[in-house]
Every structure is written in structure tokens, then in C-alpha cells.
C-alpha atoms as a PDB file:
ATOM      1  CA  MET A   1       0.000   0.000   0.000  1.00  0.00           C
ATOM      2  CA  ALA A   2       1.560   3.312  -1.042  1.00  0.00           C
ATOM      3  CA  ASP A   3       1.977   6.301   1.250  1.00  0.00           C
ATOM      4  CA  GLY A   4      -1.086   8.515   1.335  1.00  0.00           C
ATOM      5  CA  GLU A   5      -3.524   5.603   1.595  1.00  0.00           C
ATOM      6  CA  ARG A   6      -5.495   5.497   4.824  1.00  0.00           C
ATOM      7  CA  LYS A   7      -6.825   2.937   7.251  1.00  0.00           C
ATOM      8  CA  ASN A   8      -9.478   3.908   9.812  1.00  0.00           C
ATOM      9  CA  GLY A   9      -8.891   7.561   8.930  1.00  0.00           C
ATOM     10  CA  GLN A  10      -5.179   7.501   9.738  1.00  0.00           C
ATOM     11  CA  SER A  11      -2.270   7.776   7.292  1.00  0.00           C
ATOM     12  CA  LEU A  12      -0.142   4.652   7.106  1.00  0.00           C
ATOM     13  CA  ALA A  13       3.620   4.747   7.424  1.00  0.00           C
ATOM     14  CA  PRO A  14       5.540   4.597   4.135  1.00  0.00           C
ATOM     15  CA  ARG A  15       7.040   1.302   3.090  1.00  0.00           C
ATOM     16  CA  ARG A  16      10.474   0.718   4.562  1.00  0.00           C
ATOM     17  CA  VAL A  17      13.523  -0.432   2.619  1.00  0.00           C
ATOM     18  CA  VAL A  18      16.741  -1.703   4.216  1.00  0.00           C
ATOM     19  CA  LEU A  19      19.807  -1.848   1.949  1.00  0.00           C
ATOM     20  CA  LEU A  20      23.027  -3.592   3.000  1.00  0.00           C
ATOM     21  CA  GLY A  21      26.025  -3.592   0.683  1.00  0.00           C
ATOM     22  CA  ALA A  22      29.239  -2.009  -0.491  1.00  0.00           C
ATOM     23  CA  SER A  23      30.488  -0.469  -3.732  1.00  0.00           C
ATOM     24  CA  ASN A  24      27.862  -1.731  -6.185  1.00  0.00           C
ATOM     25  CA  LEU A  25      25.112  -0.474  -3.903  1.00  0.00           C
ATOM     26  CA  THR A  26      26.943   2.826  -3.394  1.00  0.00           C
ATOM     27  CA  ARG A  27      27.524   3.413  -7.093  1.00  0.00           C
ATOM     28  CA  GLY A  28      23.963   2.506  -8.035  1.00  0.00           C
ATOM     29  CA  ILE A  29      22.102   3.950  -5.040  1.00  0.00           C
ATOM     30  CA  SER A  30      20.017   6.373  -7.102  1.00  0.00           C
ATOM     31  CA  THR A  31      18.939   3.627  -9.513  1.00  0.00           C
ATOM     32  CA  VAL A  32      18.270   1.253  -6.617  1.00  0.00           C
ATOM     33  CA  ILE A  33      15.989   3.722  -4.837  1.00  0.00           C
ATOM     34  CA  GLU A  34      14.104   4.669  -8.001  1.00  0.00           C
ATOM     35  CA  THR A  35      13.672   0.994  -8.883  1.00  0.00           C
ATOM     36  CA  ALA A  36      12.436   0.278  -5.349  1.00  0.00           C
ATOM     37  CA  GLN A  37       9.911   3.097  -5.686  1.00  0.00           C
ATOM     38  CA  GLY A  38       8.634   1.570  -8.908  1.00  0.00           C
ATOM     39  CA  ILE A  39       8.357  -1.910  -7.426  1.00  0.00           C
ATOM     40  CA  LEU A  40       6.946  -1.031  -4.002  1.00  0.00           C
ATOM     41  CA  GLY A  41       5.045   2.110  -4.936  1.00  0.00           C
ATOM     42  CA  GLY A  42       5.389   5.700  -3.836  1.00  0.00           C
ATOM     43  CA  GLN A  43       7.134   7.186  -0.831  1.00  0.00           C
ATOM     44  CA  LEU A  44       9.746   5.064   0.957  1.00  0.00           C
ATOM     45  CA  GLU A  45      11.694   5.145   4.192  1.00  0.00           C
ATOM     46  CA  VAL A  46      15.195   3.964   3.257  1.00  0.00           C
ATOM     47  CA  LEU A  47      17.842   2.817   5.731  1.00  0.00           C
ATOM     48  CA  ALA A  48      21.134   1.884   4.095  1.00  0.00           C
ATOM     49  CA  ALA A  49      24.512   0.638   5.250  1.00  0.00           C
ATOM     50  CA  LEU A  50      26.822   0.937   2.265  1.00  0.00           C
ATOM     51  CA  GLY A  51      30.159   2.365   1.142  1.00  0.00           C
ATOM     52  CA  HIS A  52      33.097   1.417  -1.030  1.00  0.00           C
ATOM     53  CA  GLY A  53      34.980  -1.505   0.491  1.00  0.00           C
ATOM     54  CA  ARG A  54      32.339  -2.037   3.190  1.00  0.00           C
ATOM     55  CA  SER A  55      32.712  -5.105   5.374  1.00  0.00           C
ATOM     56  CA  TYR A  56      29.885  -6.999   7.041  1.00  0.00           C
ATOM     57  CA  GLY A  57      31.772  -7.646  10.251  1.00  0.00           C
ATOM     58  CA  MET A  58      34.779  -5.346  10.642  1.00  0.00           C
ATOM     59  CA  ALA A  59      35.769  -1.724  10.171  1.00  0.00           C
ATOM     60  CA  SER A  60      36.944  -0.908   6.645  1.00  0.00           C
ATOM     61  CA  ARG A  61      39.067   1.953   5.379  1.00  0.00           C
ATOM     62  CA  VAL A  62      39.203   3.344   1.833  1.00  0.00           C
ATOM     63  CA  LEU A  63      41.207   6.474   0.922  1.00  0.00           C
ATOM     64  CA  GLY A  64      41.223   7.828   4.462  1.00  0.00           C
ATOM     65  CA  ARG A  65      37.525   7.165   5.135  1.00  0.00           C
ATOM     66  CA  GLU A  66      36.712   4.515   7.733  1.00  0.00           C
ATOM     67  CA  LEU A  67      33.299   2.953   8.281  1.00  0.00           C
ATOM     68  CA  PRO A  68      32.190   0.444  10.934  1.00  0.00           C
ATOM     69  CA  GLY A  69      31.193  -3.054   9.888  1.00  0.00           C
ATOM     70  CA  ILE A  70      27.599  -3.373   8.776  1.00  0.00           C
ATOM     71  CA  LEU A  71      26.766  -5.451  11.849  1.00  0.00           C
ATOM     72  CA  GLN A  72      28.322  -2.821  14.120  1.00  0.00           C
ATOM     73  CA  CYS A  73      26.729   0.283  12.545  1.00  0.00           C
ATOM     74  CA  GLY A  74      23.805   2.312  13.887  1.00  0.00           C
ATOM     75  CA  LEU A  75      21.273   1.020  11.360  1.00  0.00           C
ATOM     76  CA  TRP A  76      20.104  -1.767  13.642  1.00  0.00           C
ATOM     77  CA  ASN A  77      19.340   0.477  16.615  1.00  0.00           C
ATOM     78  CA  ALA A  78      17.521   2.866  14.296  1.00  0.00           C
ATOM     79  CA  LEU A  79      15.522   0.037  12.736  1.00  0.00           C
ATOM     80  CA  SER A  80      14.488  -1.444  16.080  1.00  0.00           C
ATOM     81  CA  SER A  81      13.317   1.968  17.316  1.00  0.00           C
ATOM     82  CA  LEU A  82      10.966   2.582  14.387  1.00  0.00           C
ATOM     83  CA  PRO A  83       7.276   1.650  14.417  1.00  0.00           C
ATOM     84  CA  PRO A  84       6.274  -1.448  12.431  1.00  0.00           C
ATOM     85  CA  ALA A  85       5.973  -0.956   8.674  1.00  0.00           C
ATOM     86  CA  PRO A  86       6.003  -3.191   5.579  1.00  0.00           C
ATOM     87  CA  THR A  87       9.725  -3.783   5.029  1.00  0.00           C
ATOM     88  CA  ALA A  88      11.790  -5.003   2.089  1.00  0.00           C
ATOM     89  CA  ALA A  89      15.510  -5.707   2.474  1.00  0.00           C
ATOM     90  CA  LEU A  90      18.460  -6.314   0.170  1.00  0.00           C
ATOM     91  CA  VAL A  91      21.697  -8.002   1.253  1.00  0.00           C
ATOM     92  CA  THR A  92      24.388  -7.647  -1.411  1.00  0.00           C
ATOM     93  CA  ASP A  93      28.122  -7.062  -2.095  1.00  0.00           C
ATOM     94  CA  ILE A  94      29.140  -9.905   0.201  1.00  0.00           C
ATOM     95  CA  GLY A  95      32.520 -10.836  -1.277  1.00  0.00           C
ATOM     96  CA  ASN A  96      34.673  -7.969   0.040  1.00  0.00           C
ATOM     97  CA  ASP A  97      35.445  -9.763   3.265  1.00  0.00           C
ATOM     98  CA  LEU A  98      37.206 -12.557   1.398  1.00  0.00           C
ATOM     99  CA  LEU A  99      39.834 -10.038   0.295  1.00  0.00           C
ATOM    100  CA  TYR A 100      40.138  -8.720   3.855  1.00  0.00           C
ATOM    101  CA  GLY A 101      41.187 -12.194   4.991  1.00  0.00           C
ATOM    102  CA  ALA A 102      37.999 -13.171   6.833  1.00  0.00           C
ATOM    103  CA  SER A 103      37.195 -16.877   6.879  1.00  0.00           C
ATOM    104  CA  VAL A 104      34.233 -18.191   4.940  1.00  0.00           C
ATOM    105  CA  GLY A 105      32.682 -19.296   8.224  1.00  0.00           C
ATOM    106  CA  SER A 106      32.975 -15.820   9.744  1.00  0.00           C
ATOM    107  CA  ILE A 107      31.419 -14.174   6.702  1.00  0.00           C
ATOM    108  CA  LEU A 108      28.501 -16.587   6.751  1.00  0.00           C
ATOM    109  CA  ASP A 109      28.020 -15.910  10.462  1.00  0.00           C
ATOM    110  CA  TRP A 110      27.899 -12.146   9.758  1.00  0.00           C
ATOM    111  CA  VAL A 111      25.442 -12.515   6.909  1.00  0.00           C
ATOM    112  CA  GLY A 112      23.343 -14.938   8.947  1.00  0.00           C
ATOM    113  CA  ALA A 113      23.202 -12.427  11.808  1.00  0.00           C
ATOM    114  CA  SER A 114      22.042  -9.782   9.322  1.00  0.00           C
ATOM    115  CA  PHE A 115      19.287 -12.119   8.113  1.00  0.00           C
ATOM    116  CA  ASP A 116      18.185 -12.787  11.682  1.00  0.00           C
ATOM    117  CA  ARG A 117      18.032  -9.082  12.562  1.00  0.00           C
ATOM    118  CA  LEU A 118      16.017  -8.345   9.441  1.00  0.00           C
ATOM    119  CA  ALA A 119      13.648 -11.169  10.349  1.00  0.00           C
ATOM    120  CA  LEU A 120      12.821  -9.339  13.589  1.00  0.00           C
ATOM    121  CA  SER A 121      11.304  -6.597  11.405  1.00  0.00           C
ATOM    122  CA  GLU A 122       9.501  -9.219   9.306  1.00  0.00           C
ATOM    123  CA  ALA A 123      11.410  -7.941   6.279  1.00  0.00           C
ATOM    124  CA  ARG A 124      10.969  -9.511   2.887  1.00  0.00           C
ATOM    125  CA  THR A 125      14.673 -10.120   2.289  1.00  0.00           C
ATOM    126  CA  ILE A 126      16.564 -11.003  -0.883  1.00  0.00           C
ATOM    127  CA  VAL A 127      20.284 -11.721  -1.162  1.00  0.00           C
ATOM    128  CA  THR A 128      22.607 -11.617  -4.150  1.00  0.00           C
ATOM    129  CA  LEU A 129      25.181 -14.324  -4.692  1.00  0.00           C
ATOM    130  CA  LEU A 130      28.781 -13.678  -5.732  1.00  0.00           C
ATOM    131  CA  PRO A 131      29.600 -12.803  -9.370  1.00  0.00           C
ATOM    132  CA  LEU A 132      31.367 -16.127  -9.897  1.00  0.00           C
ATOM    133  CA  GLU A 133      30.951 -16.132 -13.669  1.00  0.00           C
ATOM    134  CA  SER A 134      32.697 -12.768 -13.931  1.00  0.00           C
ATOM    135  CA  ILE A 135      35.442 -13.649 -11.450  1.00  0.00           C
ATOM    136  CA  ALA A 136      36.139 -16.946 -13.216  1.00  0.00           C
ATOM    137  CA  ARG A 137      37.085 -15.037 -16.376  1.00  0.00           C
ATOM    138  CA  LEU A 138      39.905 -13.208 -14.580  1.00  0.00           C
ATOM    139  CA  SER A 139      43.462 -13.635 -15.750  1.00  0.00           C
ATOM    140  CA  LYS A 140      46.162 -13.544 -13.081  1.00  0.00           C
ATOM    141  CA  ARG A 141      47.363 -10.180 -14.406  1.00  0.00           C
ATOM    142  CA  ARG A 142      43.888  -8.618 -14.291  1.00  0.00           C
ATOM    143  CA  PHE A 143      43.284 -10.106 -10.848  1.00  0.00           C
ATOM    144  CA  LEU A 144      46.518  -8.546  -9.576  1.00  0.00           C
ATOM    145  CA  LEU A 145      45.438  -5.156 -10.926  1.00  0.00           C
ATOM    146  CA  MET A 146      41.996  -5.448  -9.358  1.00  0.00           C
ATOM    147  CA  ARG A 147      43.462  -6.594  -6.035  1.00  0.00           C
ATOM    148  CA  THR A 148      46.025  -3.767  -5.976  1.00  0.00           C
ATOM    149  CA  VAL A 149      43.446  -1.066  -6.744  1.00  0.00           C
ATOM    150  CA  ASN A 150      40.614  -2.253  -4.498  1.00  0.00           C
ATOM    151  CA  PHE A 151      42.348  -4.272  -1.755  1.00  0.00           C
ATOM    152  CA  PRO A 152      45.976  -3.112  -1.585  1.00  0.00           C
ATOM    153  CA  LYS A 153      46.719  -5.007   1.645  1.00  0.00           C
ATOM    154  CA  CYS A 154      45.477  -8.337   0.309  1.00  0.00           C
ATOM    155  CA  ARG A 155      48.107 -10.920  -0.659  1.00  0.00           C
ATOM    156  CA  ALA A 156      45.802 -13.820  -1.595  1.00  0.00           C
ATOM    157  CA  GLY A 157      46.340 -15.361  -5.022  1.00  0.00           C
ATOM    158  CA  LEU A 158      43.714 -15.839  -7.719  1.00  0.00           C
ATOM    159  CA  ASP A 159      43.368 -19.597  -7.192  1.00  0.00           C
ATOM    160  CA  GLU A 160      42.810 -19.147  -3.468  1.00  0.00           C
ATOM    161  CA  VAL A 161      40.224 -16.401  -4.003  1.00  0.00           C
ATOM    162  CA  LEU A 162      38.336 -18.463  -6.586  1.00  0.00           C
ATOM    163  CA  LEU A 163      38.233 -21.460  -4.241  1.00  0.00           C
ATOM    164  CA  ARG A 164      37.039 -19.442  -1.258  1.00  0.00           C
ATOM    165  CA  ALA A 165      34.513 -17.528  -3.385  1.00  0.00           C
ATOM    166  CA  GLY A 166      32.988 -20.818  -4.492  1.00  0.00           C
ATOM    167  CA  GLU A 167      32.797 -22.018  -0.896  1.00  0.00           C
ATOM    168  CA  LEU A 168      31.203 -18.740   0.221  1.00  0.00           C
ATOM    169  CA  ASN A 169      28.677 -18.824  -2.604  1.00  0.00           C
ATOM    170  CA  ALA A 170      27.644 -22.377  -1.743  1.00  0.00           C
ATOM    171  CA  GLY A 171      27.382 -21.419   1.923  1.00  0.00           C
ATOM    172  CA  LEU A 172      25.178 -18.417   1.070  1.00  0.00           C
ATOM    173  CA  ILE A 173      22.819 -20.634  -0.887  1.00  0.00           C
ATOM    174  CA  ASP A 174      22.504 -23.018   2.073  1.00  0.00           C
ATOM    175  CA  LEU A 175      22.121 -20.160   4.547  1.00  0.00           C
ATOM    176  CA  ALA A 176      19.408 -18.488   2.506  1.00  0.00           C
ATOM    177  CA  ARG A 177      17.592 -21.762   1.831  1.00  0.00           C
ATOM    178  CA  ALA A 178      17.459 -22.538   5.548  1.00  0.00           C
ATOM    179  CA  ARG A 179      15.780 -19.170   6.142  1.00  0.00           C
ATOM    180  CA  ARG A 180      13.633 -19.291   2.996  1.00  0.00           C
ATOM    181  CA  ILE A 181      15.304 -16.183   1.600  1.00  0.00           C
ATOM    182  CA  PRO A 182      15.401 -15.874  -2.211  1.00  0.00           C
ATOM    183  CA  THR A 183      18.850 -15.710  -3.796  1.00  0.00           C
ATOM    184  CA  VAL A 184      19.643 -13.729  -6.938  1.00  0.00           C
ATOM    185  CA  ALA A 185      22.395 -14.887  -9.292  1.00  0.00           C
ATOM    186  CA  LEU A 186      24.483 -12.111 -10.856  1.00  0.00           C
ATOM    187  CA  ARG A 187      24.789 -12.398 -14.623  1.00  0.00           C
ATOM    188  CA  GLY A 188      28.275 -12.486 -16.067  1.00  0.00           C
ATOM    189  CA  ALA A 189      27.146 -10.197 -18.897  1.00  0.00           C
ATOM    190  CA  TRP A 190      26.634  -7.368 -16.405  1.00  0.00           C
ATOM    191  CA  TYR A 191      30.405  -7.137 -15.839  1.00  0.00           C
ATOM    192  CA  GLY A 192      33.251  -6.063 -18.081  1.00  0.00           C
ATOM    193  CA  PHE A 193      36.948  -5.482 -17.451  1.00  0.00           C
ATOM    194  CA  ASP A 194      36.088  -4.758 -13.816  1.00  0.00           C
ATOM    195  CA  PRO A 195      34.988  -8.175 -12.510  1.00  0.00           C
ATOM    196  CA  ILE A 196      33.125  -7.013  -9.389  1.00  0.00           C
ATOM    197  CA  HIS A 197      31.262  -3.837 -10.392  1.00  0.00           C
ATOM    198  CA  ILE A 198      28.152  -3.893 -12.562  1.00  0.00           C
ATOM    199  CA  ARG A 199      28.662  -1.823 -15.692  1.00  0.00           C
ATOM    200  CA  LEU A 200      26.763   1.471 -15.869  1.00  0.00           C
ATOM    201  CA  ARG A 201      24.915   0.395 -19.022  1.00  0.00           C
ATOM    202  CA  PHE A 202      23.340  -2.484 -17.070  1.00  0.00           C
ATOM    203  CA  TRP A 203      22.414  -0.646 -13.878  1.00  0.00           C
ATOM    204  CA  LYS A 204      18.730  -0.230 -14.768  1.00  0.00           C
ATOM    205  CA  SER A 205      18.123  -3.783 -15.975  1.00  0.00           C
ATOM    206  CA  ALA A 206      20.329  -5.421 -13.335  1.00  0.00           C
ATOM    207  CA  TRP A 207      18.780  -3.657 -10.367  1.00  0.00           C
ATOM    208  CA  ARG A 208      15.273  -4.268 -11.689  1.00  0.00           C
ATOM    209  CA  GLU A 209      16.023  -7.985 -11.957  1.00  0.00           C
ATOM    210  CA  ILE A 210      17.622  -8.077  -8.502  1.00  0.00           C
ATOM    211  CA  LEU A 211      14.883  -6.149  -6.693  1.00  0.00           C
ATOM    212  CA  SER A 212      11.989  -7.853  -8.467  1.00  0.00           C
ATOM    213  CA  GLY A 213      12.239 -10.546  -5.790  1.00  0.00           C
ATOM    214  CA  TRP A 214      10.424  -8.121  -3.500  1.00  0.00           C
ATOM    215  CA  CYS A 215       7.148  -8.439  -5.408  1.00  0.00           C
ATOM    216  CA  ASP A 216       4.967 -11.263  -6.666  1.00  0.00           C
ATOM    217  CA  ALA A 217       4.564  -9.733 -10.128  1.00  0.00           C
ATOM    218  CA  PRO A 218       8.112  -8.841 -11.257  1.00  0.00           C
ATOM    219  CA  ALA A 219       6.983  -8.129 -14.815  1.00  0.00           C
ATOM    220  CA  ALA A 220       5.197  -5.030 -13.485  1.00  0.00           C
ATOM    221  CA  ALA A 221       8.462  -3.405 -12.359  1.00  0.00           C
ATOM    222  CA  ALA A 222       9.449  -0.568 -14.697  1.00  0.00           C
ATOM    223  CA  PHE A 223      12.968   0.458 -15.606  1.00  0.00           C
ATOM    224  CA  ALA A 224      14.371   3.387 -13.624  1.00  0.00           C
ATOM    225  CA  ARG A 225      14.622   6.524 -15.760  1.00  0.00           C
ATOM    226  CA  GLY A 226      17.757   7.776 -14.023  1.00  0.00           C
ATOM    227  CA  SER A 227      18.666  11.256 -12.805  1.00  0.00           C
ATOM    228  CA  LEU A 228      22.164  12.707 -12.583  1.00  0.00           C
ATOM    229  CA  THR A 229      20.906  15.357 -10.164  1.00  0.00           C
ATOM    230  CA  ARG A 230      19.456  12.740  -7.821  1.00  0.00           C
ATOM    231  CA  TRP A 231      22.588  10.594  -8.102  1.00  0.00           C
ATOM    232  CA  LEU A 232      24.835  13.528  -7.174  1.00  0.00           C
ATOM    233  CA  TYR A 233      22.531  14.461  -4.298  1.00  0.00           C
ATOM    234  CA  LEU A 234      22.463  10.958  -2.855  1.00  0.00           C
ATOM    235  CA  ARG A 235      26.191  10.476  -3.261  1.00  0.00           C
ATOM    236  CA  SER A 236      26.772  13.700  -1.296  1.00  0.00           C
ATOM    237  CA  ARG A 237      24.832  12.531   1.778  1.00  0.00           C
ATOM    238  CA  ALA A 238      26.898  11.720   4.860  1.00  0.00           C
ATOM    239  CA  PRO A 239      26.487   8.570   7.000  1.00  0.00           C
ATOM    240  CA  GLU A 240      25.706   8.659  10.701  1.00  0.00           C
ATOM    241  CA  ALA A 241      29.260   7.771  11.766  1.00  0.00           C
ATOM    242  CA  ARG A 242      32.599   7.652   9.962  1.00  0.00           C
ATOM    243  CA  ARG A 243      36.207   8.614  10.434  1.00  0.00           C
ATOM    244  CA  LEU A 244      38.003  10.824   7.925  1.00  0.00           C
ATOM    245  CA  PHE A 245      41.789  10.583   8.205  1.00  0.00           C
ATOM    246  CA  GLY A 246      41.369   9.569  11.832  1.00  0.00           C
ATOM    247  CA  VAL A 247      38.878  12.294  12.794  1.00  0.00           C
ATOM    248  CA  ALA A 248      35.447  11.102  13.924  1.00  0.00           C
ATOM    249  CA  ARG A 249      32.517  12.648  12.055  1.00  0.00           C
ATOM    250  CA  ARG A 250      28.804  12.274  12.718  1.00  0.00           C
ATOM    251  CA  ALA A 251      25.722  13.341  10.796  1.00  0.00           C
ATOM    252  CA  PRO A 252      22.061  13.290  11.872  1.00  0.00           C
ATOM    253  CA  GLN A 253      19.796  10.870  10.041  1.00  0.00           C
ATOM    254  CA  PRO A 254      17.917  10.733   7.774  1.00  0.00           C
ATOM    255  CA  SER A 255      20.407  12.804   5.791  1.00  0.00           C
ATOM    256  CA  GLY A 256      18.461  12.802   2.524  1.00  0.00           C
ATOM    257  CA  ARG A 257      14.915  13.532   1.372  1.00  0.00           C
ATOM    258  CA  LEU A 258      13.533  13.293  -2.153  1.00  0.00           C
ATOM    259  CA  ARG A 259      10.719  15.348  -3.653  1.00  0.00           C
ATOM    260  CA  ASP A 260       8.096  12.655  -3.084  1.00  0.00           C
ATOM    261  CA  GLY A 261       8.942  12.527   0.619  1.00  0.00           C
ATOM    262  CA  THR A 262      11.183   9.466   0.456  1.00  0.00           C
ATOM    263  CA  THR A 263      13.777   9.670   3.225  1.00  0.00           C
ATOM    264  CA  ILE A 264      17.284   8.197   3.155  1.00  0.00           C
ATOM    265  CA  ALA A 265      19.222   7.383   6.316  1.00  0.00           C
ATOM    266  CA  LEU A 266      22.824   6.234   5.895  1.00  0.00           C
ATOM    267  CA  TYR A 267      24.894   4.238   8.384  1.00  0.00           C
END
């Protein structure tokens, strides 16, 4: 039911969306929110834990900016303090922790804890698997370049990463199946030279396919039209807590509001 509809004379709360992820979610946040609006209808209340290089269970630092692990961030306290509302959740960008040296078991524990916390809000959760098809096409030279640019402290070799990625992917499937959470496979065609980031040309179709798991009639979901202005606005919003070159920074949430009343809180 979209915002503005009434029950017993009282306005209902907008639908709530919880987004957990890292760089793909960060890069595509504008498309993700617009696609969610098209699928769920109207005004949304968005809570997102994202950021380049984001980890599910430990602090991560990229170019002087440090963010807490997704499990340790303020999103969960904020979510538990809100009144009940129809909630849809996305869990994505899970592979970063492999390159940070976390064990497959630890990563699955972190993702499982995220699933369990979302279940407390009765969220309709979907989870994306790892882009194994894209990663499998990597040459050792291209892998070294990718590792150096995105995970400069990592020393794992390509064969080790491929093995552990396969184990993590299989574990995610089992974890999601046990909780009856739909999994979404990531198409190899969505990726190019960069094996872990969806290409811009596929943002609209990829995110529509991913988020269609939130509704029972996925064919009804329209493509996002896209807006550079909205993308720039959303990318400029600050999260609740971060450290910039060692200095703690905080920002009140929600830190973003769109014209239709959709709010965006970042953690």
C-alpha cells in the first residue's frame, strides 16, 4: 500500500527499505531507490549501510575514510526503534570480506546475523550471490590489478580467491535456503573489465532484476529513468558515523529527502 492511503482515517507509514552492501550499492544507489519506488510504490523510508569496500563484520578503510562493519553500525538500533511498517531488504556485495582475509565461516556468520536481525522486522529479504561467472574469467594479471586497486593489503592469489569464493557462494545458498530467503544470481554479462562492479549500461536492468524478488509480479516493475541530479545528491549525503583521516565525524539521520517525501538514512 503506497503512502497517502489510509486505514481507519489515519495515514499509514511509508514502506520501509533496508539496503546492505558495499560499492555496487553505493555506485547505483540512485537507480536502486528509483527501482524500489517503482516496485513497491510511492514514498519510501530507506535505511542503508553501504560504502566502497564495506565489510559486514569489521571496520573498513578506503582512501582515508573509515566505516564500521555493517553489523556494528547504527542502522540496527535505528531500525528497532521505528514503528512497524512493511519492510523489504536487500543483502548484497558480500565478497569484500574474502579479500580482507575473513574466513568463509565468519562471513557466513555475519550474513546470517544480518538475516536474523532483518527477520525481527519481518522484512521480505533477498540476497545476491557472488559474481562467480565474472570472477572466473579473470586472468592472473587482471586479478593482480583489481586486487592492488581495491584491496591493496590483500596478498591472496587468484586460485585461493576463486576457491574461497565458491565455498562462500555455496554457503550463502545453504544459509538463505534454511531461512527461505530468495537468492539472486548475478549475470556475467553485467560485468566487463572490472569483474566485481556492474557496468553502468546495465544498472537499470540489473537492479530491476535483482529487486523484483520483492514483489509477486516482477513483470510489473518498470525500468528506472535515471537522474544525474538525484545521483549527485544521494552520493553527497553523509552517514551517521565515519572517520576521515582519523577524525570522527557524525551526521544526523535521515540525511536525505527526495521530492516525493522518500527519506534516506545512511549508516
